[in-house]
N, C-alpha and C. Protein backbone atom coordinates (compact mmCIF):
# COMPACT_ATOMS: atom_id res chain seq x y z
N MET A 1 -12.53 -82.14 -72.58
CA MET A 1 -12.11 -81.03 -71.76
C MET A 1 -12.97 -81.00 -70.51
N SER A 2 -12.40 -80.51 -69.45
CA SER A 2 -13.13 -80.67 -68.20
C SER A 2 -12.83 -79.57 -67.20
N ILE A 3 -13.88 -79.06 -66.61
CA ILE A 3 -13.74 -78.09 -65.53
C ILE A 3 -13.03 -78.74 -64.35
N ASP A 4 -13.38 -79.98 -64.04
CA ASP A 4 -12.73 -80.68 -62.92
C ASP A 4 -11.23 -80.82 -63.15
N SER A 5 -10.84 -81.12 -64.35
CA SER A 5 -9.43 -81.23 -64.68
C SER A 5 -8.75 -79.88 -64.51
N ALA A 6 -9.41 -78.81 -64.92
CA ALA A 6 -8.85 -77.46 -64.75
C ALA A 6 -8.70 -77.13 -63.27
N ARG A 7 -9.67 -77.53 -62.45
CA ARG A 7 -9.57 -77.31 -61.00
C ARG A 7 -8.37 -78.06 -60.42
N GLU A 8 -8.20 -79.29 -60.83
CA GLU A 8 -7.05 -80.08 -60.35
C GLU A 8 -5.74 -79.42 -60.79
N PHE A 9 -5.72 -78.92 -62.01
CA PHE A 9 -4.53 -78.23 -62.52
C PHE A 9 -4.22 -77.00 -61.66
N VAL A 10 -5.23 -76.18 -61.39
CA VAL A 10 -5.03 -74.98 -60.58
C VAL A 10 -4.50 -75.35 -59.20
N ASN A 11 -5.08 -76.38 -58.59
CA ASN A 11 -4.60 -76.81 -57.28
C ASN A 11 -3.14 -77.23 -57.34
N ARG A 12 -2.77 -77.92 -58.40
CA ARG A 12 -1.38 -78.39 -58.55
C ARG A 12 -0.44 -77.21 -58.74
N VAL A 13 -0.82 -76.26 -59.56
CA VAL A 13 0.03 -75.08 -59.80
C VAL A 13 0.24 -74.32 -58.49
N CYS A 14 -0.82 -74.18 -57.70
CA CYS A 14 -0.73 -73.42 -56.46
C CYS A 14 0.04 -74.14 -55.36
N SER A 15 0.14 -75.45 -55.46
CA SER A 15 0.77 -76.21 -54.37
C SER A 15 2.12 -76.82 -54.73
N ASP A 16 2.49 -76.81 -56.00
CA ASP A 16 3.71 -77.49 -56.44
C ASP A 16 4.57 -76.52 -57.24
N ASN A 17 5.53 -75.89 -56.57
CA ASN A 17 6.37 -74.89 -57.24
C ASN A 17 7.17 -75.46 -58.40
N ASP A 18 7.66 -76.68 -58.26
CA ASP A 18 8.43 -77.28 -59.35
C ASP A 18 7.56 -77.47 -60.60
N PHE A 19 6.34 -77.92 -60.38
CA PHE A 19 5.41 -78.07 -61.49
C PHE A 19 5.14 -76.72 -62.14
N ALA A 20 4.87 -75.71 -61.31
CA ALA A 20 4.57 -74.37 -61.81
C ALA A 20 5.74 -73.79 -62.59
N LYS A 21 6.96 -74.01 -62.13
CA LYS A 21 8.13 -73.49 -62.83
C LYS A 21 8.23 -74.07 -64.24
N ASN A 22 7.88 -75.31 -64.40
CA ASN A 22 7.99 -75.96 -65.71
C ASN A 22 6.94 -75.49 -66.71
N LEU A 23 5.95 -74.76 -66.27
CA LEU A 23 4.91 -74.28 -67.17
C LEU A 23 5.41 -73.20 -68.12
N SER A 24 6.53 -72.59 -67.79
CA SER A 24 7.06 -71.56 -68.67
C SER A 24 7.54 -72.14 -70.00
N ASP A 25 7.61 -73.47 -70.08
CA ASP A 25 7.97 -74.13 -71.34
C ASP A 25 6.84 -74.07 -72.37
N TYR A 26 5.65 -73.65 -71.96
CA TYR A 26 4.47 -73.67 -72.83
C TYR A 26 3.97 -72.25 -73.06
N LYS A 27 3.59 -71.95 -74.30
CA LYS A 27 3.16 -70.58 -74.63
C LYS A 27 1.71 -70.31 -74.25
N ASP A 28 0.88 -71.37 -74.12
CA ASP A 28 -0.52 -71.16 -73.77
C ASP A 28 -1.14 -72.46 -73.25
N VAL A 29 -2.40 -72.37 -72.89
CA VAL A 29 -3.11 -73.52 -72.31
C VAL A 29 -3.14 -74.69 -73.28
N GLU A 30 -3.45 -74.42 -74.53
CA GLU A 30 -3.56 -75.51 -75.50
C GLU A 30 -2.24 -76.25 -75.70
N GLU A 31 -1.16 -75.48 -75.76
CA GLU A 31 0.14 -76.13 -75.92
C GLU A 31 0.42 -77.03 -74.72
N PHE A 32 0.12 -76.53 -73.51
CA PHE A 32 0.32 -77.37 -72.32
C PHE A 32 -0.56 -78.61 -72.39
N CYS A 33 -1.86 -78.42 -72.66
CA CYS A 33 -2.80 -79.55 -72.64
C CYS A 33 -2.52 -80.59 -73.71
N ASN A 34 -1.83 -80.22 -74.75
CA ASN A 34 -1.45 -81.17 -75.79
C ASN A 34 -0.08 -81.79 -75.55
N SER A 35 0.53 -81.46 -74.44
CA SER A 35 1.88 -81.95 -74.15
C SER A 35 1.85 -83.29 -73.42
N PRO A 36 2.93 -84.03 -73.52
CA PRO A 36 3.04 -85.28 -72.75
C PRO A 36 2.94 -85.03 -71.24
N LYS A 37 3.45 -83.89 -70.78
CA LYS A 37 3.39 -83.57 -69.35
C LYS A 37 1.94 -83.52 -68.86
N ALA A 38 1.09 -82.87 -69.62
CA ALA A 38 -0.33 -82.77 -69.25
C ALA A 38 -1.00 -84.14 -69.33
N LYS A 39 -0.74 -84.85 -70.40
CA LYS A 39 -1.36 -86.16 -70.57
C LYS A 39 -0.92 -87.14 -69.48
N ASP A 40 0.37 -87.11 -69.13
CA ASP A 40 0.88 -87.99 -68.07
C ASP A 40 0.26 -87.67 -66.72
N ALA A 41 -0.04 -86.38 -66.50
CA ALA A 41 -0.64 -85.96 -65.23
C ALA A 41 -2.16 -86.09 -65.25
N GLY A 42 -2.73 -86.43 -66.41
CA GLY A 42 -4.17 -86.61 -66.52
C GLY A 42 -4.96 -85.33 -66.71
N PHE A 43 -4.30 -84.25 -67.13
CA PHE A 43 -4.98 -82.98 -67.34
C PHE A 43 -5.53 -82.89 -68.75
N SER A 44 -6.79 -82.49 -68.86
CA SER A 44 -7.43 -82.27 -70.15
C SER A 44 -8.50 -81.20 -69.97
N PHE A 45 -8.17 -79.98 -70.38
CA PHE A 45 -9.10 -78.86 -70.25
C PHE A 45 -8.79 -77.83 -71.31
N SER A 46 -9.70 -76.90 -71.50
CA SER A 46 -9.53 -75.84 -72.49
C SER A 46 -9.25 -74.52 -71.80
N THR A 47 -8.96 -73.52 -72.60
CA THR A 47 -8.79 -72.17 -72.07
C THR A 47 -10.08 -71.72 -71.39
N ASP A 48 -11.22 -72.01 -72.00
CA ASP A 48 -12.51 -71.64 -71.40
C ASP A 48 -12.70 -72.31 -70.04
N ASP A 49 -12.34 -73.60 -69.95
CA ASP A 49 -12.46 -74.31 -68.67
C ASP A 49 -11.60 -73.62 -67.60
N LEU A 50 -10.36 -73.30 -67.97
CA LEU A 50 -9.46 -72.65 -67.02
C LEU A 50 -10.00 -71.29 -66.62
N ASN A 51 -10.56 -70.54 -67.56
CA ASN A 51 -11.13 -69.23 -67.23
C ASN A 51 -12.30 -69.34 -66.27
N VAL A 52 -13.13 -70.37 -66.42
CA VAL A 52 -14.24 -70.59 -65.49
C VAL A 52 -13.69 -70.82 -64.08
N VAL A 53 -12.69 -71.67 -63.98
CA VAL A 53 -12.11 -71.98 -62.68
C VAL A 53 -11.43 -70.74 -62.08
N LYS A 54 -10.75 -69.97 -62.89
CA LYS A 54 -10.08 -68.77 -62.39
C LYS A 54 -11.07 -67.77 -61.80
N ARG A 55 -12.28 -67.73 -62.35
CA ARG A 55 -13.31 -66.82 -61.81
C ARG A 55 -13.78 -67.28 -60.43
N GLU A 56 -13.58 -68.53 -60.10
CA GLU A 56 -13.99 -69.08 -58.80
C GLU A 56 -12.96 -68.83 -57.69
N LEU A 57 -11.76 -68.40 -58.06
CA LEU A 57 -10.66 -68.30 -57.11
C LEU A 57 -10.76 -67.04 -56.26
N THR A 58 -10.21 -67.15 -55.05
CA THR A 58 -10.05 -65.97 -54.20
C THR A 58 -8.86 -65.17 -54.71
N GLU A 59 -8.70 -63.95 -54.22
CA GLU A 59 -7.56 -63.13 -54.62
C GLU A 59 -6.25 -63.80 -54.23
N GLU A 60 -6.21 -64.43 -53.07
CA GLU A 60 -5.00 -65.12 -52.63
C GLU A 60 -4.66 -66.29 -53.57
N GLN A 61 -5.68 -67.04 -53.95
CA GLN A 61 -5.45 -68.14 -54.87
C GLN A 61 -4.96 -67.63 -56.22
N LYS A 62 -5.54 -66.54 -56.69
CA LYS A 62 -5.11 -65.97 -57.97
C LYS A 62 -3.65 -65.54 -57.90
N ALA A 63 -3.23 -65.00 -56.76
CA ALA A 63 -1.85 -64.56 -56.60
C ALA A 63 -0.88 -65.75 -56.68
N ASN A 64 -1.33 -66.92 -56.28
CA ASN A 64 -0.49 -68.12 -56.32
C ASN A 64 -0.56 -68.85 -57.65
N LEU A 65 -1.45 -68.43 -58.51
CA LEU A 65 -1.64 -69.09 -59.81
C LEU A 65 -0.71 -68.44 -60.83
N ARG A 66 0.52 -68.90 -60.84
CA ARG A 66 1.50 -68.35 -61.75
C ARG A 66 2.52 -69.41 -62.11
N CYS A 67 3.24 -69.16 -63.16
CA CYS A 67 4.23 -70.10 -63.67
C CYS A 67 5.55 -70.01 -62.91
N GLN A 68 5.67 -69.06 -62.00
CA GLN A 68 6.90 -68.84 -61.25
C GLN A 68 8.03 -68.37 -62.16
N ASP A 69 7.69 -67.76 -63.25
CA ASP A 69 8.67 -67.27 -64.22
C ASP A 69 8.08 -66.01 -64.85
N GLU A 70 8.84 -64.94 -64.82
CA GLU A 70 8.31 -63.65 -65.32
C GLU A 70 7.96 -63.69 -66.81
N ASN A 71 8.52 -64.62 -67.56
CA ASN A 71 8.23 -64.72 -68.99
C ASN A 71 7.00 -65.55 -69.30
N CYS A 72 6.40 -66.12 -68.28
CA CYS A 72 5.23 -66.99 -68.46
C CYS A 72 4.01 -66.28 -67.89
N ASN A 73 3.10 -65.88 -68.76
CA ASN A 73 1.95 -65.13 -68.26
C ASN A 73 0.61 -65.72 -68.68
N TRP A 74 0.60 -66.90 -69.26
CA TRP A 74 -0.67 -67.43 -69.74
C TRP A 74 -1.62 -67.86 -68.65
N LEU A 75 -1.13 -68.02 -67.43
CA LEU A 75 -2.03 -68.33 -66.33
C LEU A 75 -2.72 -67.08 -65.81
N GLY A 76 -2.09 -65.94 -66.00
CA GLY A 76 -2.71 -64.68 -65.61
C GLY A 76 -2.67 -64.38 -64.13
N GLY A 77 -1.89 -65.10 -63.37
CA GLY A 77 -1.82 -64.87 -61.93
C GLY A 77 -0.82 -63.82 -61.55
C-alpha cells in the first residue's frame, strides 16, 4: 500500500471524469483496490493511505474528489 499511489489515484479522480464515474461500481476503497481496474492502473493503497492524502487537499481539490455519482460516497468529496 502506498501514499504515492493514493496521491496518483486522487489526481486521476480529479482530472478524469470517466474514471471517476466508474468508481460508483465499488462500495469502498478496498473493493476498488482489489479490482482489476485498480491493478491495471497500478493503484495499490489502503483506506488509511487515502485518508492521509485527503487531509493534504485544498477545499477545491476535495470538492473535485468524487465518484460523479450521488450513490457513490466512499471518496467523501
